[in-house]
Amino acid sequence: MAKLYDSGAEPERTPGPRKGLRICLSAEVSLRRSGRGSFRVSVIDLSLHGCKAEFVERPNLDEWVWVKFGDLQSVKARVCWIRGFEVGLEFERSIHPAVFEMLSERHKT
């Protein structure tokens, strides 16, 4: 993956309080922005309600994106904060606990 360069800009919105357990992991996922092709990004952590990812091309706050973990169905997510090239994504619908467990086992660090 390409080296990420932080612009040093202030966060556009700071992360809010956690909704639940968040685990560290290392996963390459397919991500698609509306009206654009999909590309690969790294997911750094995951919860039932969202994840933190590294983007090469920064999205906009409140933009909707689609995250695809391997062969699973895409999950619609909203960009809720941005800090450099890290973004917080909140899933439109929480992922199922069994799917969360499977992903945490598959991609644990």
C-alpha atoms as a PDB file:
ATOM      1  CA  MET A   1       0.000   0.000   0.000  1.00  0.00           C
ATOM      2  CA  ALA A   2       1.201   3.546  -0.718  1.00  0.00           C
ATOM      3  CA  LYS A   3       2.850   5.553   2.061  1.00  0.00           C
ATOM      4  CA  LEU A   4       0.408   7.949   3.700  1.00  0.00           C
ATOM      5  CA  TYR A   5       1.411  11.544   4.322  1.00  0.00           C
ATOM      6  CA  ASP A   6      -0.409  13.550   6.976  1.00  0.00           C
ATOM      7  CA  SER A   7      -1.114  17.141   6.025  1.00  0.00           C
ATOM      8  CA  GLY A   8      -0.840  18.133   9.687  1.00  0.00           C
ATOM      9  CA  ALA A   9      -4.312  19.655   9.530  1.00  0.00           C
ATOM     10  CA  GLU A  10      -6.487  19.742  12.617  1.00  0.00           C
ATOM     11  CA  PRO A  11      -9.133  17.005  12.886  1.00  0.00           C
ATOM     12  CA  GLU A  12     -12.298  17.931  11.054  1.00  0.00           C
ATOM     13  CA  ARG A  13     -14.339  16.327  13.823  1.00  0.00           C
ATOM     14  CA  THR A  14     -13.035  14.546  16.885  1.00  0.00           C
ATOM     15  CA  PRO A  15     -14.020  10.976  17.697  1.00  0.00           C
ATOM     16  CA  GLY A  16     -16.988  10.744  20.036  1.00  0.00           C
ATOM     17  CA  PRO A  17     -17.574   8.321  22.883  1.00  0.00           C
ATOM     18  CA  ARG A  18     -17.400   4.627  22.038  1.00  0.00           C
ATOM     19  CA  LYS A  19     -20.675   2.744  21.590  1.00  0.00           C
ATOM     20  CA  GLY A  20     -19.154  -0.605  22.443  1.00  0.00           C
ATOM     21  CA  LEU A  21     -16.127  -2.889  22.524  1.00  0.00           C
ATOM     22  CA  ARG A  22     -13.540  -2.000  19.893  1.00  0.00           C
ATOM     23  CA  ILE A  23     -10.764  -4.389  18.941  1.00  0.00           C
ATOM     24  CA  CYS A  24      -7.474  -3.712  17.188  1.00  0.00           C
ATOM     25  CA  LEU A  25      -6.992  -5.609  13.958  1.00  0.00           C
ATOM     26  CA  SER A  26      -5.219  -5.425  10.661  1.00  0.00           C
ATOM     27  CA  ALA A  27      -7.427  -5.915   7.626  1.00  0.00           C
ATOM     28  CA  GLU A  28      -7.334  -4.847   4.001  1.00  0.00           C
ATOM     29  CA  VAL A  29     -10.891  -4.176   2.841  1.00  0.00           C
ATOM     30  CA  SER A  30     -12.541  -2.998  -0.321  1.00  0.00           C
ATOM     31  CA  LEU A  31     -14.077   0.436   0.028  1.00  0.00           C
ATOM     32  CA  ARG A  32     -16.302   2.273  -2.403  1.00  0.00           C
ATOM     33  CA  ARG A  33     -17.294   5.913  -2.393  1.00  0.00           C
ATOM     34  CA  SER A  34     -20.523   6.962  -4.083  1.00  0.00           C
ATOM     35  CA  GLY A  35     -20.096   7.352  -7.843  1.00  0.00           C
ATOM     36  CA  ARG A  36     -16.542   5.959  -7.792  1.00  0.00           C
ATOM     37  CA  GLY A  37     -14.812   2.627  -8.179  1.00  0.00           C
ATOM     38  CA  SER A  38     -13.715   0.594  -5.201  1.00  0.00           C
ATOM     39  CA  PHE A  39     -10.179   0.594  -3.785  1.00  0.00           C
ATOM     40  CA  ARG A  40      -8.302  -1.105  -0.941  1.00  0.00           C
ATOM     41  CA  VAL A  41      -7.874   0.512   2.481  1.00  0.00           C
ATOM     42  CA  SER A  42      -6.532  -0.668   5.830  1.00  0.00           C
ATOM     43  CA  VAL A  43      -8.896  -1.085   8.764  1.00  0.00           C
ATOM     44  CA  ILE A  44      -7.155  -0.519  12.099  1.00  0.00           C
ATOM     45  CA  ASP A  45      -9.921  -1.306  14.566  1.00  0.00           C
ATOM     46  CA  LEU A  46     -13.469  -2.628  14.541  1.00  0.00           C
ATOM     47  CA  SER A  47     -16.606  -2.642  16.672  1.00  0.00           C
ATOM     48  CA  LEU A  48     -20.167  -3.787  16.078  1.00  0.00           C
ATOM     49  CA  HIS A  49     -20.995  -0.172  15.213  1.00  0.00           C
ATOM     50  CA  GLY A  50     -18.072   0.973  13.076  1.00  0.00           C
ATOM     51  CA  CYS A  51     -14.370   0.966  12.346  1.00  0.00           C
ATOM     52  CA  LYS A  52     -11.314   3.161  11.922  1.00  0.00           C
ATOM     53  CA  ALA A  53      -9.628   3.077   8.517  1.00  0.00           C
ATOM     54  CA  GLU A  54      -6.719   4.710   6.703  1.00  0.00           C
ATOM     55  CA  PHE A  55      -7.577   6.427   3.426  1.00  0.00           C
ATOM     56  CA  VAL A  56      -5.224   7.548   0.680  1.00  0.00           C
ATOM     57  CA  GLU A  57      -7.916   9.792  -0.810  1.00  0.00           C
ATOM     58  CA  ARG A  58      -9.671  11.613   2.034  1.00  0.00           C
ATOM     59  CA  PRO A  59     -13.454  11.432   2.053  1.00  0.00           C
ATOM     60  CA  ASN A  60     -15.735  14.202   3.311  1.00  0.00           C
ATOM     61  CA  LEU A  61     -17.409  14.321   6.700  1.00  0.00           C
ATOM     62  CA  ASP A  62     -20.842  12.676   6.667  1.00  0.00           C
ATOM     63  CA  GLU A  63     -20.086  11.047   3.296  1.00  0.00           C
ATOM     64  CA  TRP A  64     -21.551   7.545   2.848  1.00  0.00           C
ATOM     65  CA  VAL A  65     -19.163   4.764   1.829  1.00  0.00           C
ATOM     66  CA  TRP A  66     -19.443   0.990   1.427  1.00  0.00           C
ATOM     67  CA  VAL A  67     -16.993  -1.301   3.249  1.00  0.00           C
ATOM     68  CA  LYS A  68     -16.524  -4.901   2.092  1.00  0.00           C
ATOM     69  CA  PHE A  69     -14.682  -7.424   4.272  1.00  0.00           C
ATOM     70  CA  GLY A  70     -13.586 -10.214   1.922  1.00  0.00           C
ATOM     71  CA  ASP A  71     -16.508 -12.274   0.672  1.00  0.00           C
ATOM     72  CA  LEU A  72     -19.068 -10.701   3.046  1.00  0.00           C
ATOM     73  CA  GLN A  73     -21.798  -8.344   1.916  1.00  0.00           C
ATOM     74  CA  SER A  74     -20.853  -4.646   1.807  1.00  0.00           C
ATOM     75  CA  VAL A  75     -21.682  -2.545   4.848  1.00  0.00           C
ATOM     76  CA  LYS A  76     -22.872   1.040   4.382  1.00  0.00           C
ATOM     77  CA  ALA A  77     -21.018   3.462   6.678  1.00  0.00           C
ATOM     78  CA  ARG A  78     -20.921   7.210   7.344  1.00  0.00           C
ATOM     79  CA  VAL A  79     -17.670   9.144   7.781  1.00  0.00           C
ATOM     80  CA  CYS A  80     -18.098  10.559  11.298  1.00  0.00           C
ATOM     81  CA  TRP A  81     -14.600  11.998  11.911  1.00  0.00           C
ATOM     82  CA  ILE A  82     -11.336  12.636  10.072  1.00  0.00           C
ATOM     83  CA  ARG A  83      -7.823  13.049  11.506  1.00  0.00           C
ATOM     84  CA  GLY A  84      -5.073  13.224   8.892  1.00  0.00           C
ATOM     85  CA  PHE A  85      -5.626  10.111   6.774  1.00  0.00           C
ATOM     86  CA  GLU A  86      -7.451   8.194   9.504  1.00  0.00           C
ATOM     87  CA  VAL A  87     -11.234   8.231   9.431  1.00  0.00           C
ATOM     88  CA  GLY A  88     -13.942   6.951  11.715  1.00  0.00           C
ATOM     89  CA  LEU A  89     -16.740   5.077   9.996  1.00  0.00           C
ATOM     90  CA  GLU A  90     -20.092   4.438  11.658  1.00  0.00           C
ATOM     91  CA  PHE A  91     -22.034   1.542  10.167  1.00  0.00           C
ATOM     92  CA  GLU A  92     -25.597   2.328   9.108  1.00  0.00           C
ATOM     93  CA  ARG A  93     -26.629  -0.943  10.786  1.00  0.00           C
ATOM     94  CA  SER A  94     -24.549  -2.700  13.428  1.00  0.00           C
ATOM     95  CA  ILE A  95     -22.882  -5.881  12.231  1.00  0.00           C
ATOM     96  CA  HIS A  96     -24.062  -9.154  13.732  1.00  0.00           C
ATOM     97  CA  PRO A  97     -22.066 -10.307  16.795  1.00  0.00           C
ATOM     98  CA  ALA A  98     -21.191 -13.603  15.073  1.00  0.00           C
ATOM     99  CA  VAL A  99     -19.779 -11.685  12.086  1.00  0.00           C
ATOM    100  CA  PHE A 100     -17.826  -9.454  14.490  1.00  0.00           C
ATOM    101  CA  GLU A 101     -16.336 -12.536  16.188  1.00  0.00           C
ATOM    102  CA  MET A 102     -15.421 -14.115  12.847  1.00  0.00           C
ATOM    103  CA  LEU A 103     -13.735 -10.909  11.610  1.00  0.00           C
ATOM    104  CA  SER A 104     -11.848 -10.463  14.880  1.00  0.00           C
ATOM    105  CA  GLU A 105     -10.497 -14.009  14.645  1.00  0.00           C
ATOM    106  CA  ARG A 106      -9.640 -13.720  10.948  1.00  0.00           C
ATOM    107  CA  HIS A 107      -7.800 -10.385  11.260  1.00  0.00           C
ATOM    108  CA  LYS A 108      -6.448 -10.262  14.814  1.00  0.00           C
ATOM    109  CA  THR A 109      -3.069  -8.577  15.231  1.00  0.00           C
END
